[in-house]
Amino acid sequence: MRDLPSRSRILRTIALSPVALAAVLASMTFPTIPVNSRASTKKIDAVLEMAVEEKKIPGIVAMVAVGDRVTYQGAAGKREAARNVPITVDSIFRIASMVKPVTSVAVMQLVETGRVKLDEPAATYLPELSCVQVLEEFEPETGRVKLRPPHSPPTIRQLLSHTSGFAYESFDPRLHAYLATIAGSNSGHADDLSLKTPLMFDPGTRWEYGISSDWLGKLIEKMSGETLAKYFGEHIFQPLAMNDTFYDVPRDKQARVVVAFKHEQDGGFREIPPQPFEPVRVYSGGGGLYSTAGDYLKFERMLLAGGELGGQRILKSQTVEEMSRNQIGQLTVVPLASLQPEVARDPVRLPGSLDKFGLGFGINTKPVADGRSPGSLAWAGIYNTFFWIDPARRTCAVLLMQTLPFADDLANSVLEQFERAVYAGVRSN
């Protein structure tokens, strides 16, 4: 049995350039997951089934791929509890912020064609951002506001890495107070974006999750001349055969959409009454997609394979390397304080030890105990949908639930148990 790479060597590797990183990773020996492991499959099945039996979650779907093969798919629980409809692997979920990596891939396609440059000010392409200012002082009691120009304008790279200065009202107390007093709108929706939404800090000086991806969605539409739905369909979904991913769920597929649930304080779950499917008026780069585990796994597998899947090249391998590299330097991905604990548990604890950010993905620089390798890519959606891509072990996984609040202890524990089960069959070569 060959020795595993040391922790210090792993950490040194993460600091390398993408090209050097690829070369060093190729020389390292990491444990791999057996492609056909009945024991591993049973362990993952047990996690899903136990989560439902213990009433941690009403319904759940998971899939795993290693290399170029799907090695696991499973489902447990109900798609609709009230009507006793079982969940299936092809059930359709609201994936919310898991659209952000899709938006980031689309932006990088525009970068590859030369229509967009990463380090250009975003206002070069979106003139409405030329007047954006930083909220320096705000007094809710008097409504007095002091705004100033940023020391430097937000760039496309900073929008992709969430260091632009834009925030979410539901996670930033100052922005929440400002909008409640001044703007009276919700910054979390793309159709509410306006110059009334200021930056919370100078671009490049902090990491903070926010509406950056919504602006990137506007960028894609502006530069392509197409709606996000059309652009995503033509350039990402159709080439990857992601046939169940859309903003507007077709009528003949609406019955497969999983009902959302709210976790109650007594430990039970209450179905959130489903709303009628209305045509989407404004497409958001930050959320709004519906998808399946199988479809999203194809998207992950494309990235894991360096931008290509099934003979369809979506991105150059060098572009994927750049997206996978730490883009925020010494800055750190910080915990979020939720101002809506019924929607996202306060504080928001992102599983996976994410501490850095690339171009569209969170990155962990330290190995997760009994789980993913350092340098893995990950993100999530507000309804407790999760994914990760582990290049070192050539592994990717997606776990879809449909509950609120996000990142509560029950959902996080299910994800952590699932991750341990995925890696339980690891053996050294």
Protein backbone atom coordinates (compact mmCIF):
# COMPACT_ATOMS: atom_id res chain seq x y z
CA MET A 1 0.00 0.00 0.00
CA ARG A 2 1.38 3.40 -1.01
CA ASP A 3 1.44 6.25 1.47
CA LEU A 4 -1.15 9.00 1.21
CA PRO A 5 0.06 12.57 0.54
CA SER A 6 0.86 14.49 3.70
CA ARG A 7 -1.40 17.27 4.93
CA SER A 8 1.38 19.82 4.40
CA ARG A 9 1.86 18.70 0.81
CA ILE A 10 -1.87 19.00 0.18
CA LEU A 11 -1.95 22.54 1.56
CA ARG A 12 1.10 23.55 -0.47
CA THR A 13 -0.58 22.15 -3.58
CA ILE A 14 -3.68 24.31 -3.13
CA ALA A 15 -1.57 27.46 -3.31
CA LEU A 16 -0.18 26.54 -6.74
CA SER A 17 -1.33 27.86 -10.08
CA PRO A 18 -4.02 25.78 -11.86
CA VAL A 19 -1.52 24.25 -14.30
CA ALA A 20 0.95 23.37 -11.56
CA LEU A 21 -1.90 22.10 -9.38
CA ALA A 22 -3.03 19.68 -12.09
CA ALA A 23 0.50 18.33 -12.49
CA VAL A 24 1.07 17.82 -8.77
CA LEU A 25 -2.33 16.22 -8.21
CA ALA A 26 -1.55 13.78 -11.00
CA SER A 27 1.59 12.69 -9.12
CA MET A 28 -0.20 12.21 -5.81
CA THR A 29 -1.84 9.01 -4.65
CA PHE A 30 -5.33 9.45 -3.28
CA PRO A 31 -7.74 6.74 -2.25
CA THR A 32 -10.36 6.00 -4.86
CA ILE A 33 -13.91 4.76 -4.49
CA PRO A 34 -14.56 1.30 -5.89
CA VAL A 35 -16.88 1.69 -8.88
CA ASN A 36 -18.92 -1.38 -8.00
CA SER A 37 -19.31 -1.59 -4.26
CA ARG A 38 -22.50 -3.16 -2.99
CA ALA A 39 -21.44 -2.42 0.56
CA SER A 40 -21.02 1.27 -0.23
CA THR A 41 -24.41 1.36 -1.99
CA LYS A 42 -26.11 -0.22 1.02
CA LYS A 43 -24.51 2.33 3.34
CA ILE A 44 -25.82 5.23 1.29
CA ASP A 45 -29.25 3.60 1.03
CA ALA A 46 -29.28 3.23 4.80
CA VAL A 47 -28.50 6.92 5.31
CA LEU A 48 -31.41 8.00 3.11
CA GLU A 49 -33.85 5.50 4.57
CA MET A 50 -32.87 6.26 8.16
CA ALA A 51 -33.21 10.00 7.58
CA VAL A 52 -36.82 9.44 6.51
CA GLU A 53 -37.60 6.87 9.23
CA GLU A 54 -36.24 9.19 11.93
CA LYS A 55 -38.31 12.03 10.45
CA LYS A 56 -35.26 14.15 9.75
CA ILE A 57 -36.53 14.72 6.24
CA PRO A 58 -39.77 13.91 4.35
CA GLY A 59 -38.10 12.93 1.08
CA ILE A 60 -34.62 12.80 -0.39
CA VAL A 61 -32.78 11.91 -3.61
CA ALA A 62 -29.02 11.38 -4.02
CA MET A 63 -26.61 10.51 -6.81
CA VAL A 64 -22.85 9.92 -6.98
CA ALA A 65 -20.39 9.65 -9.87
CA VAL A 66 -16.79 8.49 -9.86
CA GLY A 67 -14.71 9.21 -12.92
CA ASP A 68 -16.93 8.82 -15.95
CA ARG A 69 -19.51 6.54 -14.31
CA VAL A 70 -22.58 7.07 -12.15
CA THR A 71 -22.00 4.77 -9.18
CA TYR A 72 -25.04 5.48 -7.05
CA GLN A 73 -28.60 6.73 -7.33
CA GLY A 74 -31.28 6.43 -4.71
CA ALA A 75 -34.42 7.96 -3.25
CA ALA A 76 -36.39 7.64 -0.02
CA GLY A 77 -39.54 9.19 1.40
CA LYS A 78 -42.39 11.12 -0.15
CA ARG A 79 -42.69 13.61 -2.97
CA GLU A 80 -46.08 14.61 -1.56
CA ALA A 81 -46.82 13.46 1.98
CA ALA A 82 -50.47 14.54 2.02
CA ARG A 83 -51.27 12.36 -1.00
CA ASN A 84 -48.76 9.64 -0.06
CA VAL A 85 -46.86 10.00 -3.35
CA PRO A 86 -43.41 8.35 -3.14
CA ILE A 87 -40.36 10.27 -4.23
CA THR A 88 -38.39 8.94 -7.21
CA VAL A 89 -34.90 9.56 -8.57
CA ASP A 90 -36.38 11.62 -11.42
CA SER A 91 -38.32 13.91 -9.07
CA ILE A 92 -37.90 17.62 -9.82
CA PHE A 93 -36.57 20.01 -7.16
CA ARG A 94 -36.24 23.74 -6.71
CA ILE A 95 -32.46 24.09 -6.65
CA ALA A 96 -32.38 27.82 -5.79
CA SER A 97 -28.78 29.05 -5.44
CA MET A 98 -27.39 25.97 -7.17
CA VAL A 99 -28.16 27.96 -10.32
CA LYS A 100 -25.25 30.27 -9.42
CA PRO A 101 -22.58 27.82 -10.66
CA VAL A 102 -24.60 27.44 -13.89
CA THR A 103 -24.61 31.22 -14.29
CA SER A 104 -20.86 31.28 -13.63
CA VAL A 105 -20.24 28.67 -16.35
CA ALA A 106 -22.26 30.77 -18.79
CA VAL A 107 -20.21 33.87 -17.92
CA MET A 108 -16.99 31.95 -18.48
CA GLN A 109 -18.25 30.88 -21.90
CA LEU A 110 -18.56 34.58 -22.75
CA VAL A 111 -15.04 35.10 -21.38
CA GLU A 112 -13.72 32.34 -23.64
CA THR A 113 -15.24 34.01 -26.71
CA GLY A 114 -13.70 37.36 -25.77
CA ARG A 115 -17.01 39.13 -25.29
CA VAL A 116 -16.35 39.60 -21.56
CA LYS A 117 -13.11 40.18 -19.66
CA LEU A 118 -12.80 39.05 -16.04
CA ASP A 119 -10.99 42.10 -14.72
CA GLU A 120 -13.01 44.73 -16.55
CA PRO A 121 -15.38 46.83 -14.45
CA ALA A 122 -18.86 45.34 -14.64
CA ALA A 123 -20.11 48.78 -15.69
CA THR A 124 -18.25 48.31 -18.99
CA TYR A 125 -21.03 45.92 -19.94
CA LEU A 126 -23.79 47.07 -17.58
CA PRO A 127 -23.77 50.88 -17.58
CA GLU A 128 -26.38 50.95 -14.81
CA LEU A 129 -23.60 49.88 -12.44
CA SER A 130 -21.47 52.93 -13.21
CA CYS A 131 -23.14 54.94 -10.45
CA VAL A 132 -23.21 52.25 -7.75
CA GLN A 133 -22.00 53.56 -4.39
CA VAL A 134 -20.89 52.21 -1.03
CA LEU A 135 -23.14 52.57 2.01
CA GLU A 136 -20.72 54.22 4.43
CA GLU A 137 -23.12 55.31 7.16
CA PHE A 138 -26.80 54.81 7.84
CA GLU A 139 -28.96 55.81 10.81
CA PRO A 140 -32.26 53.88 10.79
CA GLU A 141 -33.75 56.21 13.41
CA THR A 142 -33.35 59.34 11.30
CA GLY A 143 -33.02 57.84 7.84
CA ARG A 144 -29.75 59.71 7.34
CA VAL A 145 -27.62 58.03 4.70
CA LYS A 146 -24.04 58.63 3.66
CA LEU A 147 -23.03 57.09 0.35
CA ARG A 148 -19.71 57.42 -1.43
CA PRO A 149 -18.12 56.13 -4.63
CA PRO A 150 -16.20 52.85 -4.22
CA HIS A 151 -12.41 53.04 -4.18
CA SER A 152 -12.52 50.86 -7.29
CA PRO A 153 -15.49 49.65 -9.36
CA PRO A 154 -16.66 46.04 -9.02
CA THR A 155 -15.27 43.76 -11.71
CA ILE A 156 -16.67 40.63 -13.34
CA ARG A 157 -14.19 38.50 -11.38
CA GLN A 158 -15.42 40.07 -8.12
CA LEU A 159 -19.05 39.40 -9.05
CA LEU A 160 -18.15 35.75 -9.68
CA SER A 161 -16.27 35.43 -6.39
CA HIS A 162 -18.74 37.41 -4.22
CA THR A 163 -16.21 40.08 -3.35
CA SER A 164 -18.05 42.78 -5.31
CA GLY A 165 -19.57 44.53 -2.30
CA PHE A 166 -23.12 43.43 -3.07
CA ALA A 167 -24.99 41.61 -0.29
CA TYR A 168 -28.33 39.93 0.42
CA GLU A 169 -30.88 41.77 2.50
CA SER A 170 -31.72 38.59 4.43
CA PHE A 171 -28.08 38.13 5.51
CA ASP A 172 -26.81 41.69 5.98
CA PRO A 173 -28.32 43.73 8.85
CA ARG A 174 -27.18 47.08 7.45
CA LEU A 175 -28.63 46.41 4.02
CA HIS A 176 -31.81 45.07 5.57
CA ALA A 177 -32.29 48.23 7.62
CA TYR A 178 -31.39 50.46 4.68
CA LEU A 179 -33.85 48.84 2.28
CA ALA A 180 -36.61 48.70 4.88
CA THR A 181 -36.22 52.41 5.50
CA ILE A 182 -35.15 53.79 2.14
CA ALA A 183 -35.99 51.44 -0.67
CA GLY A 184 -38.75 49.30 0.83
CA SER A 185 -37.87 46.43 -1.51
CA ASN A 186 -36.33 42.98 -1.31
CA SER A 187 -32.87 42.77 -2.85
CA GLY A 188 -33.07 39.00 -3.11
CA HIS A 189 -35.03 39.08 -6.38
CA ALA A 190 -33.60 39.93 -9.76
CA ASP A 191 -36.53 42.18 -10.74
CA ASP A 192 -35.84 44.38 -7.69
CA LEU A 193 -32.25 45.10 -8.61
CA SER A 194 -31.67 48.84 -8.91
CA LEU A 195 -29.15 51.55 -8.21
CA LYS A 196 -30.90 51.98 -4.85
CA THR A 197 -29.12 48.83 -3.71
CA PRO A 198 -25.66 50.05 -2.63
CA LEU A 199 -22.47 48.16 -2.03
CA MET A 200 -21.82 47.20 1.59
CA PHE A 201 -18.04 47.49 1.26
CA ASP A 202 -15.37 48.40 -1.26
CA PRO A 203 -14.97 45.72 -3.93
CA GLY A 204 -12.19 43.25 -3.20
CA THR A 205 -11.96 44.01 0.51
CA ARG A 206 -14.34 41.34 1.85
CA TRP A 207 -16.24 38.21 0.91
CA GLU A 208 -19.99 38.41 1.34
CA TYR A 209 -22.75 36.39 -0.28
CA GLY A 210 -25.19 38.51 -2.24
CA ILE A 211 -26.88 39.52 -5.47
CA SER A 212 -23.73 39.38 -7.59
CA SER A 213 -25.04 36.41 -9.59
CA ASP A 214 -28.24 38.29 -10.40
CA TRP A 215 -26.13 40.99 -12.01
CA LEU A 216 -24.21 38.28 -13.86
CA GLY A 217 -27.52 37.00 -15.19
CA LYS A 218 -28.21 40.47 -16.56
CA LEU A 219 -24.72 40.46 -18.08
CA ILE A 220 -25.38 37.18 -19.92
CA GLU A 221 -28.64 38.46 -21.33
CA LYS A 222 -27.07 41.75 -22.38
CA MET A 223 -24.03 40.21 -24.11
CA SER A 224 -25.83 37.26 -25.71
CA GLY A 225 -29.03 39.00 -26.71
CA GLU A 226 -30.96 36.04 -25.28
CA THR A 227 -32.91 35.37 -22.11
CA LEU A 228 -31.15 33.30 -19.48
CA ALA A 229 -33.58 30.47 -20.10
CA LYS A 230 -32.74 30.39 -23.81
CA TYR A 231 -29.00 30.84 -23.32
CA PHE A 232 -28.75 28.13 -20.65
CA GLY A 233 -30.83 25.80 -22.78
CA GLU A 234 -28.80 26.24 -25.96
CA HIS A 235 -25.31 26.39 -24.47
CA ILE A 236 -25.47 24.17 -21.36
CA PHE A 237 -28.64 22.12 -20.86
CA GLN A 238 -29.19 20.77 -24.37
CA PRO A 239 -25.53 19.83 -24.99
CA LEU A 240 -25.43 18.00 -21.64
CA ALA A 241 -28.86 16.38 -22.16
CA MET A 242 -30.16 18.07 -19.01
CA ASN A 243 -33.72 17.56 -20.19
CA ASP A 244 -35.39 18.17 -16.83
CA THR A 245 -33.79 21.52 -15.95
CA PHE A 246 -35.72 24.73 -16.57
CA TYR A 247 -37.13 27.93 -15.10
CA ASP A 248 -40.62 27.17 -16.39
CA VAL A 249 -41.63 23.58 -15.62
CA PRO A 250 -43.51 22.10 -18.60
CA ARG A 251 -47.10 21.17 -17.84
CA ASP A 252 -46.49 17.46 -18.44
CA LYS A 253 -43.67 17.43 -15.86
CA GLN A 254 -45.23 19.51 -13.09
CA ALA A 255 -46.55 16.43 -11.26
CA ARG A 256 -42.93 15.37 -10.64
CA VAL A 257 -42.09 18.54 -8.68
CA VAL A 258 -41.43 17.80 -5.00
CA VAL A 259 -43.60 19.61 -2.47
CA ALA A 260 -41.62 21.90 -0.17
CA PHE A 261 -41.81 21.38 3.59
CA LYS A 262 -41.29 23.59 6.62
CA HIS A 263 -39.58 22.08 9.67
CA GLU A 264 -41.69 22.94 12.72
CA GLN A 265 -40.42 23.56 16.23
CA ASP A 266 -42.15 20.40 17.50
CA GLY A 267 -39.92 18.34 15.22
CA GLY A 268 -42.51 17.62 12.53
CA PHE A 269 -42.83 18.89 8.98
CA ARG A 270 -45.61 20.93 7.43
CA GLU A 271 -46.19 20.96 3.69
CA ILE A 272 -45.90 24.42 2.21
CA PRO A 273 -49.02 24.88 0.04
CA PRO A 274 -47.82 24.70 -3.57
CA GLN A 275 -48.33 27.81 -5.67
CA PRO A 276 -49.71 27.65 -9.22
CA PHE A 277 -47.05 27.46 -11.90
CA GLU A 278 -46.94 30.88 -13.51
CA PRO A 279 -44.69 31.85 -16.43
CA VAL A 280 -41.43 33.32 -15.14
CA ARG A 281 -41.39 37.07 -15.76
CA VAL A 282 -37.71 37.76 -14.98
CA TYR A 283 -35.01 35.09 -15.11
CA SER A 284 -32.55 35.24 -12.23
CA GLY A 285 -28.88 34.32 -12.36
CA GLY A 286 -29.02 33.67 -8.63
CA GLY A 287 -31.91 31.22 -8.36
CA GLY A 288 -35.17 29.98 -9.80
CA LEU A 289 -34.18 26.81 -11.65
CA TYR A 290 -35.88 23.45 -11.26
CA SER A 291 -33.78 20.33 -11.83
CA THR A 292 -33.27 16.66 -10.99
CA ALA A 293 -30.40 14.88 -9.31
CA GLY A 294 -29.53 13.20 -12.60
CA ASP A 295 -29.41 16.45 -14.53
CA TYR A 296 -27.33 18.30 -11.97
CA LEU A 297 -24.93 15.39 -11.72
CA LYS A 298 -24.32 15.73 -15.47
CA PHE A 299 -23.39 19.37 -14.89
CA GLU A 300 -20.98 18.31 -12.12
CA ARG A 301 -19.49 15.51 -14.20
CA MET A 302 -18.80 17.99 -16.98
CA LEU A 303 -16.79 20.14 -14.60
CA LEU A 304 -15.08 17.11 -13.05
CA ALA A 305 -13.98 16.03 -16.53
CA GLY A 306 -12.50 19.44 -17.31
CA GLY A 307 -15.43 20.99 -19.14
CA GLU A 308 -16.58 18.13 -21.38
CA LEU A 309 -19.15 15.34 -21.10
CA GLY A 310 -20.43 12.88 -23.65
CA GLY A 311 -18.37 14.44 -26.42
CA GLN A 312 -19.86 17.88 -25.76
CA ARG A 313 -17.35 20.54 -24.69
CA ILE A 314 -18.91 23.25 -22.54
CA LEU A 315 -15.72 24.93 -21.31
CA LYS A 316 -12.00 24.63 -21.95
CA SER A 317 -10.10 22.67 -19.31
CA GLN A 318 -8.02 25.75 -18.53
CA THR A 319 -11.22 27.67 -17.81
CA VAL A 320 -12.40 25.02 -15.36
CA GLU A 321 -9.01 25.17 -13.65
CA GLU A 322 -9.34 28.93 -13.27
CA MET A 323 -12.85 28.60 -11.84
CA SER A 324 -11.55 26.01 -9.37
CA ARG A 325 -8.75 28.21 -8.07
CA ASN A 326 -9.00 30.35 -4.93
CA GLN A 327 -9.96 33.81 -6.21
CA ILE A 328 -10.22 35.66 -2.91
CA GLY A 329 -6.61 35.47 -1.69
CA GLN A 330 -6.32 35.93 2.07
CA LEU A 331 -10.02 36.72 2.43
CA THR A 332 -12.22 34.04 3.97
CA VAL A 333 -15.72 32.73 3.37
CA VAL A 334 -17.47 33.88 6.54
CA PRO A 335 -20.53 32.47 8.32
CA LEU A 336 -23.78 34.26 7.52
CA ALA A 337 -26.15 35.76 10.08
CA SER A 338 -29.70 34.99 8.99
CA LEU A 339 -32.33 37.68 9.54
CA GLN A 340 -35.02 35.18 8.54
CA PRO A 341 -34.39 32.13 10.74
CA GLU A 342 -37.58 30.49 9.44
CA VAL A 343 -35.92 30.43 5.99
CA ALA A 344 -32.24 29.97 6.91
CA ARG A 345 -31.07 28.87 10.33
CA ASP A 346 -29.03 31.50 12.21
CA PRO A 347 -26.09 31.35 12.00
CA VAL A 348 -25.87 29.72 8.61
CA ARG A 349 -23.35 26.91 8.85
CA LEU A 350 -22.24 25.83 5.38
CA PRO A 351 -21.22 22.16 5.46
CA GLY A 352 -17.96 21.08 3.86
CA SER A 353 -15.57 23.43 5.70
CA LEU A 354 -15.76 26.00 2.90
CA ASP A 355 -13.24 28.77 3.52
CA LYS A 356 -12.29 30.05 0.05
CA PHE A 357 -14.17 30.89 -3.13
CA GLY A 358 -13.44 30.37 -6.81
CA LEU A 359 -15.42 31.65 -9.78
CA GLY A 360 -18.84 30.36 -8.78
CA PHE A 361 -17.96 27.74 -6.16
CA GLY A 362 -17.01 27.49 -2.51
CA ILE A 363 -13.70 25.71 -1.88
CA ASN A 364 -12.37 23.87 1.18
CA THR A 365 -8.62 24.10 1.69
CA LYS A 366 -8.60 21.43 4.41
CA PRO A 367 -9.81 17.85 4.11
CA VAL A 368 -13.23 17.10 5.55
CA ALA A 369 -13.09 14.37 8.18
CA ASP A 370 -14.13 11.09 6.52
CA GLY A 371 -15.16 13.10 3.48
CA ARG A 372 -14.11 15.23 0.54
CA SER A 373 -10.54 16.17 -0.30
CA PRO A 374 -9.05 19.65 -0.04
CA GLY A 375 -9.65 21.67 -3.18
CA SER A 376 -13.18 20.34 -3.65
CA LEU A 377 -15.86 22.63 -5.10
CA ALA A 378 -19.31 22.97 -3.56
CA TRP A 379 -22.41 25.05 -3.04
CA ALA A 380 -26.05 24.68 -2.00
CA GLY A 381 -29.62 25.93 -2.37
CA ILE A 382 -31.97 27.42 0.21
CA TYR A 383 -34.27 24.35 0.18
CA ASN A 384 -31.38 22.19 1.44
CA THR A 385 -30.03 21.03 -1.88
CA PHE A 386 -26.28 20.32 -1.90
CA PHE A 387 -23.51 19.22 -4.22
CA TRP A 388 -19.74 18.82 -4.22
CA ILE A 389 -17.05 18.02 -6.78
CA ASP A 390 -13.87 16.33 -5.55
CA PRO A 391 -11.24 16.48 -8.33
CA ALA A 392 -8.58 14.69 -6.27
CA ARG A 393 -10.75 11.59 -5.92
CA ARG A 394 -12.53 12.11 -9.25
CA THR A 395 -15.82 12.07 -7.36
CA CYS A 396 -18.93 14.24 -7.42
CA ALA A 397 -22.23 13.97 -5.59
CA VAL A 398 -25.58 15.69 -5.29
CA LEU A 399 -28.08 15.46 -2.43
CA LEU A 400 -31.52 17.00 -2.87
CA MET A 401 -34.02 17.72 -0.13
CA GLN A 402 -36.86 20.24 -0.17
CA THR A 403 -37.21 21.71 3.28
CA LEU A 404 -36.88 24.97 5.17
CA PRO A 405 -35.06 26.35 7.03
CA PHE A 406 -31.78 25.99 5.20
CA ALA A 407 -28.81 24.47 7.01
CA ASP A 408 -30.74 23.39 10.10
CA ASP A 409 -29.18 20.66 12.22
CA LEU A 410 -31.31 17.90 10.69
CA ALA A 411 -30.48 18.72 7.07
CA ASN A 412 -26.81 19.23 7.83
CA SER A 413 -26.58 15.95 9.70
CA VAL A 414 -28.13 14.07 6.77
CA LEU A 415 -25.63 15.65 4.36
CA GLU A 416 -22.71 14.81 6.63
CA GLN A 417 -23.83 11.21 7.03
CA PHE A 418 -24.34 10.93 3.27
CA GLU A 419 -20.83 12.25 2.63
CA ARG A 420 -19.30 9.79 5.09
CA ALA A 421 -21.22 6.95 3.43
CA VAL A 422 -20.00 8.02 -0.03
CA TYR A 423 -16.41 7.84 1.16
CA ALA A 424 -16.87 4.79 3.39
CA GLY A 425 -15.88 2.45 0.58
CA VAL A 426 -12.62 4.30 -0.05
CA ARG A 427 -9.57 2.10 -0.18
CA SER A 428 -5.94 2.80 -0.90
CA ASN A 429 -4.41 1.57 -4.16
